[in-house]
Protein backbone atom coordinates (compact mmCIF):
# COMPACT_ATOMS: atom_id res chain seq x y z
CA MET A 1 81.08 73.48 5.51
CA ALA A 2 82.44 76.89 4.56
CA SER A 3 82.63 78.01 8.15
CA PHE A 4 84.50 74.86 9.19
CA SER A 5 87.19 75.45 6.53
CA VAL A 6 87.67 79.04 7.79
CA VAL A 7 88.23 77.86 11.37
CA LYS A 8 90.65 75.21 10.20
CA ARG A 9 92.69 77.73 8.21
CA SER A 10 92.77 80.08 11.25
CA ASN A 11 94.08 77.37 13.54
CA ASN A 12 96.85 76.52 11.08
CA PHE A 13 97.82 80.18 10.90
CA LEU A 14 98.00 80.48 14.71
CA ARG A 15 100.12 77.37 15.05
CA LYS A 16 102.62 78.67 12.50
CA HIS A 17 102.80 82.40 13.20
CA ARG A 18 101.69 83.17 16.81
CA LYS A 19 104.41 84.54 19.08
CA TRP A 20 103.92 83.88 22.81
CA PRO A 21 104.51 87.11 24.77
CA PHE A 22 105.54 85.29 27.97
CA SER A 23 107.08 82.00 28.89
CA PRO A 24 104.45 79.61 30.37
CA TYR A 25 106.74 79.29 33.42
CA LYS A 26 106.76 83.04 34.17
CA THR A 27 103.08 83.65 34.75
CA LYS A 28 101.75 85.36 37.85
CA TRP A 29 100.25 82.23 39.38
CA HIS A 30 103.52 80.35 39.00
CA GLN A 31 105.48 83.19 40.60
CA THR A 32 103.08 83.17 43.54
CA PHE A 33 103.42 79.40 43.79
CA ASP A 34 107.23 79.66 43.89
CA GLN A 35 107.09 82.32 46.60
CA ASP A 36 104.70 80.24 48.68
CA GLU A 37 106.91 77.19 48.37
CA ALA A 38 109.99 79.20 49.31
CA LEU A 39 108.16 80.53 52.37
CA ARG A 40 107.16 76.99 53.30
CA ILE A 41 110.81 75.88 53.14
CA LEU A 42 111.77 78.90 55.25
CA LYS A 43 109.21 77.99 57.93
CA GLN A 44 110.55 74.46 58.04
CA ALA A 45 114.03 75.85 58.57
CA ALA A 46 112.72 78.03 61.41
CA ASN A 47 111.61 74.92 63.28
CA SER A 48 115.07 73.40 63.00
CA PRO A 49 117.04 73.19 66.29
CA GLU A 50 120.02 74.69 64.48
CA GLN A 51 118.48 78.16 64.23
CA SER A 52 117.89 78.50 67.99
CA ASN A 53 121.37 77.29 68.93
CA SER A 54 123.35 79.06 66.23
CA ASP A 55 125.24 82.31 66.79
CA GLN A 56 125.15 82.94 63.04
CA PRO A 57 122.18 84.56 61.28
CA TYR A 58 120.71 81.18 60.38
CA LEU A 59 117.23 82.44 59.50
CA LEU A 60 118.57 85.17 57.24
CA SER A 61 120.63 82.60 55.34
CA ALA A 62 117.58 80.35 55.11
CA LEU A 63 115.54 83.28 53.78
CA VAL A 64 118.02 84.01 51.00
CA SER A 65 118.67 80.39 50.01
CA SER A 66 115.02 79.25 49.99
CA PHE A 67 113.90 82.03 47.63
CA LYS A 68 117.02 81.71 45.50
CA ALA A 69 116.26 78.02 45.03
CA TYR A 70 112.93 78.95 43.43
CA CYS A 71 114.42 81.81 41.39
CA CYS A 72 112.33 84.51 43.03
CA HIS A 73 112.80 87.42 45.37
CA PRO A 74 111.88 87.36 49.09
CA THR A 75 108.48 88.83 49.88
CA PRO A 76 107.45 91.22 52.67
CA ASN A 77 105.63 88.34 54.37
CA ALA A 78 108.86 86.34 54.42
CA TYR A 79 110.74 89.18 56.13
CA HIS A 80 107.82 89.64 58.53
CA PHE A 81 107.99 85.96 59.45
CA VAL A 82 111.77 86.08 60.02
CA LEU A 83 111.57 89.18 62.22
CA LYS A 84 108.68 87.76 64.26
CA THR A 85 110.53 84.48 64.78
CA LEU A 86 113.72 86.23 65.88
CA ALA A 87 111.81 88.45 68.29
CA ARG A 88 109.74 85.57 69.67
CA THR A 89 112.86 83.51 70.33
CA SER A 90 114.71 86.54 71.81
CA GLN A 91 117.37 86.53 69.06
CA PHE A 92 117.36 90.31 68.94
CA HIS A 93 121.06 90.44 67.97
CA HIS A 94 120.17 89.00 64.53
CA ILE A 95 117.42 91.53 63.77
CA PRO A 96 119.76 94.38 62.64
CA LEU A 97 121.25 92.13 59.94
CA VAL A 98 117.81 91.31 58.57
CA LEU A 99 116.81 94.97 58.61
CA ASP A 100 120.03 96.00 56.83
CA ARG A 101 119.32 93.57 54.00
CA LEU A 102 115.69 94.69 53.84
CA GLU A 103 116.89 98.31 53.52
CA ARG A 104 119.76 97.91 51.08
CA VAL A 105 118.96 94.90 48.89
CA GLU A 106 115.17 94.73 48.52
CA LYS A 107 113.29 97.13 46.27
CA PHE A 108 109.66 96.68 47.31
CA GLU A 109 107.76 99.15 49.49
CA THR A 110 107.92 97.63 52.96
CA PRO A 111 104.50 97.37 54.68
CA GLU A 112 104.29 99.39 57.88
CA TYR A 113 102.74 96.56 59.89
CA ILE A 114 106.18 94.89 59.95
CA PHE A 115 107.62 97.78 61.97
CA ALA A 116 104.52 98.14 64.13
CA ASP A 117 104.81 94.48 65.20
CA LEU A 118 108.53 94.83 65.78
CA ILE A 119 107.97 97.86 68.04
CA LYS A 120 105.44 95.84 70.03
CA PHE A 121 107.95 93.01 70.44
CA TYR A 122 110.59 95.47 71.63
CA GLY A 123 108.05 96.85 74.07
CA ARG A 124 107.38 93.46 75.62
CA MET A 125 111.10 93.06 76.26
CA ASN A 126 111.37 96.64 77.57
CA ARG A 127 113.87 97.57 74.83
CA ILE A 128 112.71 101.16 74.55
CA GLN A 129 115.71 102.55 72.69
CA ASP A 130 115.52 99.82 70.04
CA ALA A 131 111.83 100.63 69.49
CA ILE A 132 112.63 104.33 69.06
CA THR A 133 115.46 103.56 66.62
CA ILE A 134 113.34 101.35 64.37
CA PHE A 135 110.56 103.95 64.35
CA ARG A 136 112.95 106.68 63.16
CA ARG A 137 114.37 104.38 60.43
CA ILE A 138 110.98 103.55 58.87
CA PRO A 139 111.32 105.99 55.91
CA MET A 140 114.62 104.30 54.93
CA PHE A 141 112.69 101.12 54.09
CA ARG A 142 110.59 102.77 51.37
CA CYS A 143 107.67 103.05 53.79
CA VAL A 144 105.48 106.03 54.65
CA PRO A 145 105.01 106.01 58.45
CA SER A 146 101.67 106.68 60.10
CA THR A 147 99.98 106.23 63.46
CA LEU A 148 100.03 102.48 62.82
CA SER A 149 103.64 102.48 64.04
CA LEU A 150 103.52 105.67 66.13
CA ASN A 151 100.75 104.48 68.45
CA PRO A 152 102.53 101.30 69.65
CA LEU A 153 105.64 103.35 70.36
CA LEU A 154 103.70 105.97 72.34
CA PHE A 155 101.88 103.22 74.25
CA LEU A 156 105.25 101.69 75.14
CA LEU A 157 106.74 105.00 76.27
CA CYS A 158 103.69 105.92 78.35
CA LYS A 159 103.93 102.76 80.43
CA ASN A 160 106.87 103.96 82.54
CA GLY A 161 108.11 107.21 84.01
CA GLU A 162 111.36 107.33 82.01
CA GLY A 163 109.68 106.68 78.68
CA ILE A 164 107.00 109.31 79.08
CA ARG A 165 109.67 112.02 79.17
CA MET A 166 110.60 111.09 75.59
CA VAL A 167 107.04 111.51 74.29
CA PRO A 168 107.30 115.24 73.36
CA GLU A 169 110.41 114.57 71.28
CA ILE A 170 108.76 111.61 69.54
CA ILE A 171 105.70 113.73 68.74
CA LEU A 172 107.90 116.42 67.17
CA ASN A 173 109.80 113.80 65.16
CA SER A 174 106.56 112.26 63.96
CA GLN A 175 105.35 115.62 62.68
CA ALA A 176 108.64 116.07 60.82
CA MET A 177 108.06 112.61 59.30
CA GLY A 178 104.68 113.76 58.04
CA ILE A 179 102.56 111.75 60.46
CA ARG A 180 99.18 113.29 61.25
CA LEU A 181 98.01 112.51 64.76
CA GLU A 182 94.73 110.63 64.91
CA GLU A 183 92.10 110.35 67.61
CA SER A 184 93.59 107.06 68.80
CA THR A 185 96.93 108.82 69.38
CA PHE A 186 95.31 111.53 71.48
CA ARG A 187 93.53 108.84 73.49
CA ILE A 188 96.84 107.14 74.34
CA LEU A 189 98.41 110.43 75.47
CA ILE A 190 95.40 111.51 77.52
CA THR A 191 95.12 108.12 79.25
CA ALA A 192 98.82 108.16 80.14
CA LEU A 193 98.67 111.69 81.58
CA CYS A 194 95.60 110.89 83.66
CA LYS A 195 97.26 107.81 85.12
CA ILE A 196 100.22 109.86 86.37
CA ASN A 197 97.89 112.53 87.81
CA ARG A 198 98.65 115.12 85.14
CA VAL A 199 94.98 115.70 84.43
CA GLY A 200 95.54 119.38 83.63
CA HIS A 201 97.87 118.48 80.76
CA ALA A 202 95.39 115.83 79.60
CA MET A 203 92.68 118.51 79.46
CA GLU A 204 94.94 120.73 77.34
CA ILE A 205 95.60 117.92 74.87
CA PHE A 206 91.89 117.17 74.77
CA ASN A 207 91.13 120.79 73.92
CA ASN A 208 93.83 120.73 71.21
CA MET A 209 92.28 117.56 69.82
CA ILE A 210 88.94 119.33 69.45
CA THR A 211 90.66 122.40 67.95
CA GLU A 212 92.30 120.15 65.33
CA GLY A 213 88.83 119.26 64.09
CA TYR A 214 88.24 115.92 65.76
CA GLY A 215 84.79 115.31 67.13
CA LEU A 216 84.05 115.28 70.82
CA ASN A 217 84.72 111.77 72.07
CA PRO A 218 82.36 111.00 74.99
CA GLY A 219 84.57 108.15 76.24
CA ILE A 220 87.66 110.36 76.52
CA CYS A 221 85.64 113.15 78.11
CA SER A 222 84.20 110.78 80.74
CA PHE A 223 87.65 109.37 81.47
CA ILE A 224 89.13 112.85 82.05
CA LEU A 225 86.18 113.77 84.26
CA SER A 226 86.61 110.59 86.30
CA SER A 227 90.36 111.19 86.67
CA LEU A 228 89.73 114.78 87.70
CA CYS A 229 87.36 113.57 90.43
CA GLU A 230 89.90 111.00 91.65
CA GLN A 231 92.73 113.52 91.85
CA LYS A 232 93.17 114.76 95.41
CA ARG A 233 94.24 118.26 94.36
CA SER A 234 91.12 118.90 92.29
CA SER A 235 88.66 121.50 93.52
CA SER A 236 84.91 121.48 93.04
CA SER A 237 85.14 124.56 90.81
CA GLU A 238 87.59 122.77 88.48
CA VAL A 239 85.33 119.74 88.18
CA LEU A 240 82.16 121.75 87.54
CA SER A 241 83.98 124.11 85.17
CA PHE A 242 85.28 121.23 83.04
CA LEU A 243 81.84 119.64 82.99
CA GLU A 244 80.22 122.89 81.87
CA GLN A 245 82.83 123.45 79.14
CA MET A 246 82.25 119.98 77.76
CA ARG A 247 78.48 120.43 77.89
CA GLN A 248 78.83 123.59 75.80
CA LYS A 249 80.83 121.61 73.24
CA GLY A 250 78.11 118.98 73.00
CA PHE A 251 79.03 116.49 75.69
CA CYS A 252 76.04 114.86 77.35
CA PRO A 253 77.06 113.36 80.71
CA CYS A 254 75.69 109.94 81.57
CA VAL A 255 74.67 108.44 84.91
CA VAL A 256 78.23 107.24 85.60
CA ASP A 257 79.59 110.76 85.10
CA TYR A 258 77.10 112.20 87.57
CA SER A 259 77.91 109.41 90.03
CA ASN A 260 81.64 110.20 89.86
CA ILE A 261 81.02 113.87 90.64
CA ILE A 262 78.61 113.01 93.47
CA LYS A 263 81.26 110.69 94.94
CA PHE A 264 83.78 113.52 94.64
CA PHE A 265 81.50 115.90 96.60
CA VAL A 266 80.67 113.36 99.32
CA ARG A 267 84.35 112.51 99.89
CA ARG A 268 85.07 116.17 100.54
CA GLY A 269 82.13 116.59 102.90
CA MET A 270 80.13 118.65 100.38
CA SER A 271 76.87 116.78 100.80
CA SER A 272 74.71 119.80 99.89
CA ASP A 273 76.51 120.08 96.54
CA ALA A 274 76.06 116.34 96.02
CA LEU A 275 72.34 116.71 96.71
CA ASP A 276 72.09 119.64 94.29
CA LEU A 277 73.79 117.61 91.59
CA LEU A 278 71.42 114.70 92.23
CA ASN A 279 68.46 117.06 91.70
CA LYS A 280 70.10 118.49 88.56
CA MET A 281 70.57 114.99 87.31
CA LYS A 282 66.82 114.36 87.64
CA ALA A 283 66.06 117.74 86.02
CA ASP A 284 68.19 116.74 83.00
CA GLY A 285 66.01 113.67 82.53
CA PHE A 286 68.31 111.07 84.06
CA LYS A 287 67.10 108.52 86.57
CA PRO A 288 69.76 108.25 89.30
CA ASP A 289 70.89 104.74 90.12
CA ILE A 290 71.03 103.21 93.59
CA VAL A 291 74.77 103.99 93.83
CA SER A 292 74.15 107.72 93.43
CA TYR A 293 71.38 107.70 96.03
CA THR A 294 73.51 105.72 98.47
CA MET A 295 76.41 108.16 98.22
CA VAL A 296 74.18 111.20 98.73
CA LEU A 297 72.39 109.42 101.58
CA ASN A 298 75.74 108.78 103.25
CA GLY A 299 76.67 112.44 102.84
CA VAL A 300 73.53 113.90 104.39
CA ILE A 301 73.68 111.41 107.28
CA GLY A 302 77.28 112.46 107.88
CA ASP A 303 76.04 116.06 108.13
CA GLY A 304 73.31 115.02 110.55
CA ASP A 305 70.44 115.92 108.21
CA TYR A 306 68.31 112.91 109.14
CA LYS A 307 65.07 114.40 107.81
CA MET A 308 66.60 114.69 104.35
CA ALA A 309 67.94 111.14 104.71
CA ASP A 310 64.41 109.84 105.30
CA GLU A 311 63.15 111.81 102.29
CA LEU A 312 65.90 110.42 100.06
CA PHE A 313 65.24 106.85 101.18
CA ASP A 314 61.52 107.24 100.49
CA GLU A 315 62.26 108.88 97.13
CA LEU A 316 64.47 106.09 95.86
CA LEU A 317 61.78 103.58 96.77
CA LEU A 318 59.17 105.64 94.86
CA PHE A 319 61.51 105.64 91.84
CA GLY A 320 61.39 101.85 91.88
CA LEU A 321 65.01 101.43 92.90
CA ILE A 322 65.87 98.40 95.01
CA PRO A 323 68.20 99.21 97.92
CA ASP A 324 71.27 96.99 98.15
CA ILE A 325 73.19 96.01 101.27
CA TYR A 326 75.29 99.19 101.10
CA THR A 327 72.18 101.39 101.04
CA TYR A 328 70.64 99.57 104.00
CA ASN A 329 73.87 99.78 106.00
CA VAL A 330 74.12 103.52 105.41
CA TYR A 331 70.49 104.06 106.41
CA ILE A 332 70.79 101.84 109.52
CA HIS A 333 73.91 103.79 110.47
CA GLY A 334 71.81 106.95 110.27
CA LEU A 335 69.13 105.43 112.52
CA CYS A 336 71.78 104.46 115.06
CA LYS A 337 73.28 107.95 114.98
CA GLN A 338 69.84 109.22 115.94
CA GLY A 339 69.90 106.88 118.95
CA ASP A 340 67.29 104.53 117.54
CA PRO A 341 68.94 101.11 117.09
CA GLY A 342 65.52 99.48 117.57
CA ALA A 343 64.47 100.92 114.20
CA GLY A 344 67.65 99.41 112.79
CA ILE A 345 66.61 95.97 114.08
CA GLN A 346 63.25 96.40 112.37
CA MET A 347 65.04 97.39 109.16
CA ILE A 348 66.95 94.08 109.25
CA SER A 349 63.62 92.22 109.24
CA ARG A 350 62.44 94.24 106.23
CA MET A 351 65.70 93.58 104.44
CA GLU A 352 65.32 89.84 104.87
CA GLU A 353 61.70 89.98 103.66
CA LEU A 354 62.90 91.68 100.48
CA GLY A 355 65.66 89.10 99.96
CA CYS A 356 68.60 91.29 101.03
CA LYS A 357 70.54 89.46 103.72
CA PRO A 358 72.35 91.61 106.32
CA ASN A 359 76.11 91.15 106.54
CA VAL A 360 78.62 91.45 109.36
CA ILE A 361 78.89 95.22 108.77
CA THR A 362 75.15 95.59 109.44
CA TYR A 363 75.44 93.80 112.77
CA ASN A 364 78.61 95.66 113.75
CA ILE A 365 76.83 98.99 113.32
CA LEU A 366 74.06 97.91 115.67
CA LEU A 367 76.39 96.17 118.15
CA GLU A 368 78.51 99.31 118.50
CA THR A 369 75.41 101.41 119.19
CA PHE A 370 74.08 98.99 121.83
CA CYS A 371 77.48 98.85 123.55
CA LYS A 372 77.87 102.62 123.58
CA THR A 373 74.37 103.09 125.02
CA ARG A 374 75.04 100.40 127.69
CA LYS A 375 72.38 98.06 126.30
CA LEU A 376 74.51 94.95 126.75
CA ASP A 377 71.59 92.51 126.83
CA GLU A 378 70.49 93.67 123.38
CA ALA A 379 74.09 93.41 122.18
CA ARG A 380 74.40 89.83 123.49
CA LYS A 381 71.08 88.88 121.92
CA LEU A 382 72.08 90.42 118.58
CA ARG A 383 75.44 88.64 118.62
CA SER A 384 73.71 85.31 119.29
CA GLU A 385 71.30 85.98 116.42
CA MET A 386 74.25 86.75 114.19
CA GLN A 387 75.94 83.46 115.10
CA LEU A 388 72.74 81.47 114.57
CA LYS A 389 72.48 82.87 111.04
CA GLY A 390 75.97 81.59 110.29
CA LEU A 391 77.60 85.00 109.90
CA ALA A 392 81.29 84.87 110.75
CA GLU A 393 82.48 87.51 113.19
CA ASN A 394 85.33 89.69 112.05
CA LEU A 395 88.02 91.57 113.94
CA LEU A 396 85.78 94.62 114.45
CA THR A 397 83.00 92.49 115.96
CA PHE A 398 85.31 91.15 118.68
CA ARG A 399 86.76 94.56 119.43
CA ILE A 400 83.32 96.16 119.71
CA MET A 401 82.11 93.51 122.16
CA ILE A 402 85.31 93.50 124.26
CA ASN A 403 85.41 97.31 124.52
CA GLY A 404 81.69 97.47 125.29
CA LEU A 405 81.82 94.83 128.02
CA PHE A 406 85.01 96.18 129.58
CA ASN A 407 83.80 99.79 129.61
CA ASN A 408 80.57 98.67 131.28
CA GLY A 409 82.35 96.67 134.00
CA GLU A 410 81.79 93.19 132.53
CA VAL A 411 85.50 92.37 132.54
CA ILE A 412 85.24 88.60 133.08
CA GLU A 413 82.93 88.24 130.08
CA ALA A 414 85.28 90.50 128.12
CA CYS A 415 88.11 88.06 128.99
CA ILE A 416 86.06 85.15 127.67
CA ILE A 417 85.46 86.91 124.36
CA LEU A 418 89.13 87.89 124.30
CA GLU A 419 90.03 84.20 124.53
CA GLU A 420 87.62 83.47 121.64
CA MET A 421 89.26 86.26 119.68
CA LEU A 422 92.74 84.87 120.24
CA GLY A 423 91.49 81.37 119.42
CA GLY A 424 90.30 82.70 116.06
CA CYS A 425 93.75 84.24 115.44
CA PHE A 426 92.41 87.81 115.51
CA PRO A 427 94.89 90.33 116.98
CA PRO A 428 93.45 92.24 119.95
CA GLN A 429 93.88 95.96 120.46
CA ILE A 430 97.08 96.45 122.46
CA SER A 431 95.59 99.29 124.51
CA THR A 432 92.48 97.32 125.47
CA PHE A 433 94.55 94.23 126.21
CA GLY A 434 96.78 96.25 128.54
CA GLU A 435 93.76 97.69 130.35
CA ILE A 436 92.28 94.22 130.87
CA LEU A 437 95.58 92.91 132.23
CA SER A 438 95.81 95.92 134.55
CA TRP A 439 92.26 95.32 135.83
CA LEU A 440 93.01 91.63 136.49
CA CYS A 441 96.29 92.34 138.27
CA LYS A 442 94.77 95.04 140.49
CA ARG A 443 92.21 92.49 141.69
CA GLY A 444 94.83 89.86 142.41
CA MET A 445 94.08 87.75 139.30
CA VAL A 446 97.66 87.66 138.03
CA GLY A 447 97.30 83.99 137.14
CA LYS A 448 94.43 84.80 134.78
CA ALA A 449 96.46 87.66 133.33
CA LEU A 450 99.39 85.31 132.70
CA GLU A 451 97.02 82.80 131.10
CA LEU A 452 95.79 85.43 128.62
CA LEU A 453 99.35 86.60 127.98
CA THR A 454 100.47 83.03 127.32
CA LEU A 455 97.62 82.54 124.86
CA MET A 456 98.45 85.77 123.08
CA VAL A 457 102.17 85.02 122.74
CA GLY A 458 101.32 81.49 121.60
CA LYS A 459 99.41 82.99 118.67
CA ASN A 460 102.47 85.07 117.74
CA PHE A 461 100.85 88.37 118.74
CA SER A 462 102.95 91.02 120.45
CA PRO A 463 101.33 92.02 123.77
CA GLY A 464 103.16 95.35 123.92
CA ALA A 465 105.53 96.84 126.48
CA LYS A 466 102.71 97.99 128.75
CA ALA A 467 101.51 94.41 129.33
CA TRP A 468 104.97 93.29 130.49
CA GLU A 469 105.28 96.34 132.71
CA ILE A 470 101.93 95.64 134.36
CA LEU A 471 102.90 92.06 135.20
CA LEU A 472 106.28 93.10 136.59
CA LEU A 473 104.67 95.71 138.83
CA SER A 474 102.15 93.12 140.03
CA SER A 475 104.78 90.57 141.09
CA GLY A 476 103.82 90.71 144.77
CA ASN A 477 100.19 89.71 144.33
CA GLU A 478 100.12 86.04 143.41
CA LEU A 479 103.73 85.27 142.58
CA THR A 480 105.88 84.46 145.63
CA SER A 481 108.91 86.27 144.32
CA VAL A 482 110.28 88.25 141.45
CA LYS A 483 112.44 85.25 140.60
CA SER A 484 109.39 83.08 139.96
CA LEU A 485 107.92 85.83 137.79
CA GLU A 486 111.13 85.96 135.76
CA THR A 487 110.90 82.19 135.27
CA THR A 488 107.31 82.48 134.07
CA LEU A 489 108.11 85.33 131.68
CA GLY A 490 111.13 83.41 130.42
CA ASP A 491 108.87 80.49 129.55
CA LEU A 492 106.58 82.88 127.69
CA VAL A 493 109.40 84.31 125.62
CA GLY A 494 110.42 80.80 124.66
CA VAL A 495 106.91 79.95 123.37
C-alpha cells in the first residue's frame, strides 16, 4: 500500500509541474511526415499537363508552395526530383532557376549525386558546356566534389573528339577543387585514349596511376595490351616491351592476352615469333586454346612450313583440344597448298565423323585447288556433293567454277554456270564476263553473247565498257547490219 501511495503522489507532481521541452507537433517523425506529404503533392503537380506546357517555372513554384503549405523546408530529394523531371522532359531552360534557389536560399549541404545525375542528363542531350558549368559550380552549393561527379563528366567528354580536348583542363580544375583521382577515373581516361589510337598516352597514364600508389589492375593492363596489338603503328618490340614491364610489376598475362599477341605476330607475317610465344605460353603453365593454335597454324602454313603445321595439328589433338571449323579450314588450305587436295577430301570425312560440318569456305578451298590443277571432274563431283548436302553456294563458289572452266576450255559449261550465277543475283567478275563474251563472239555466237548480256542488264548489273566494245566490233558476224545491232543495244539499255 505504501508503494502505491508513492506512485500516486509522483503522478500528481508530474501532472502539475512537468514542462514539455517540445511541442508534440514538432517531433522528428512529424517533420518527416510533413516533408513526405509535401513531396507527394509536388509529384502530383509534376504529372499535371500544365507543367509541360507552361513557359513559367511551374515545378519550382510547386516545390515552394507544397513545402510552405506543410510549414517545412524543401529537402534535397525534392530538388533532385524537380531537376530530374525538368531534364527528362527537356525543360532545360528552367533548370538554372532551380539551381539559383538551391544555391542562394537553401542552407543544407547538397548531396553530390544530384549534380552527378544532372551531368549525365546533360550528356545524353549532348550539352557539354552545361555539364562543365554545373561541375565547376558544385562547391557553391555547399557540396564537396569528388569523382562521383567528375567521372560522368570525363565519360561525356571522352565520347567525342571535341570534348576530349577539354579533358586536361578539367583534370587541372578538379585538382584545384581538391578532387583526388581514383582508379575508376584512370580507367575512363585510358579507355578513351585507346579508342582514339593514343595508346602511348594511355600507357603513360597507366604508369602514373601505378606511381600514385594504385594497385596493378589486370583488366586495364589487358585492355592496353589488346589496343597496342590492334594499333597498326605498333611494333613487335613495343608490344613485348610493354608485356615485360607489366610482368615485372606483377601482371600475370592470361590466355586471351597471349592470343592477342599471337594474332598480332601472325598479321605481320611473324609466324616464328608467334610460334615462340605459343611455346612460352606452355612453359608458363598455360594451356593454349584452339584459337591460339589456329592462328599459329595459319601463320606457319603461310610461310610454307608444312612439317611444323602437321606437328602443331597433332599437338593440339594430344592436348585434348577439339578443332573447330576454322582450324579445319586452315589445315585443309595447307594440304591444298602442298598439292594434296585428296587429303583435304579425307579430312572432310573425318570432320563429319567428329560432328564438325564443313561449310562453303571448306568446299571453296578444295574447288579452287581442283580447278587450278585442271581436275575438273573432281571439281564437278565436289560441287554436286556440296549441293546435295544443302550448302548454298556463294559468290566465290561461282567465280571459282567459272574461271576454272573457262581457263580449261570448257566455255559452254562456264556460260551455263554464269547463267545460274546471274539467276541467283550474284554479280559476275567484269573481266571474266568480258573474256567469255569475246570468246563467244570470235566463234560467231553473238546471239548467245547478247542473251547473256540481256540477262546481266536485267539483273541491274553493269557489264562494263569492254563488253559493249566487244559486241560492237562483232557486228558483222551474226547481225546483218550495224543498225540492227544499235536496235538490239537500245532495247538492252531500256531494260
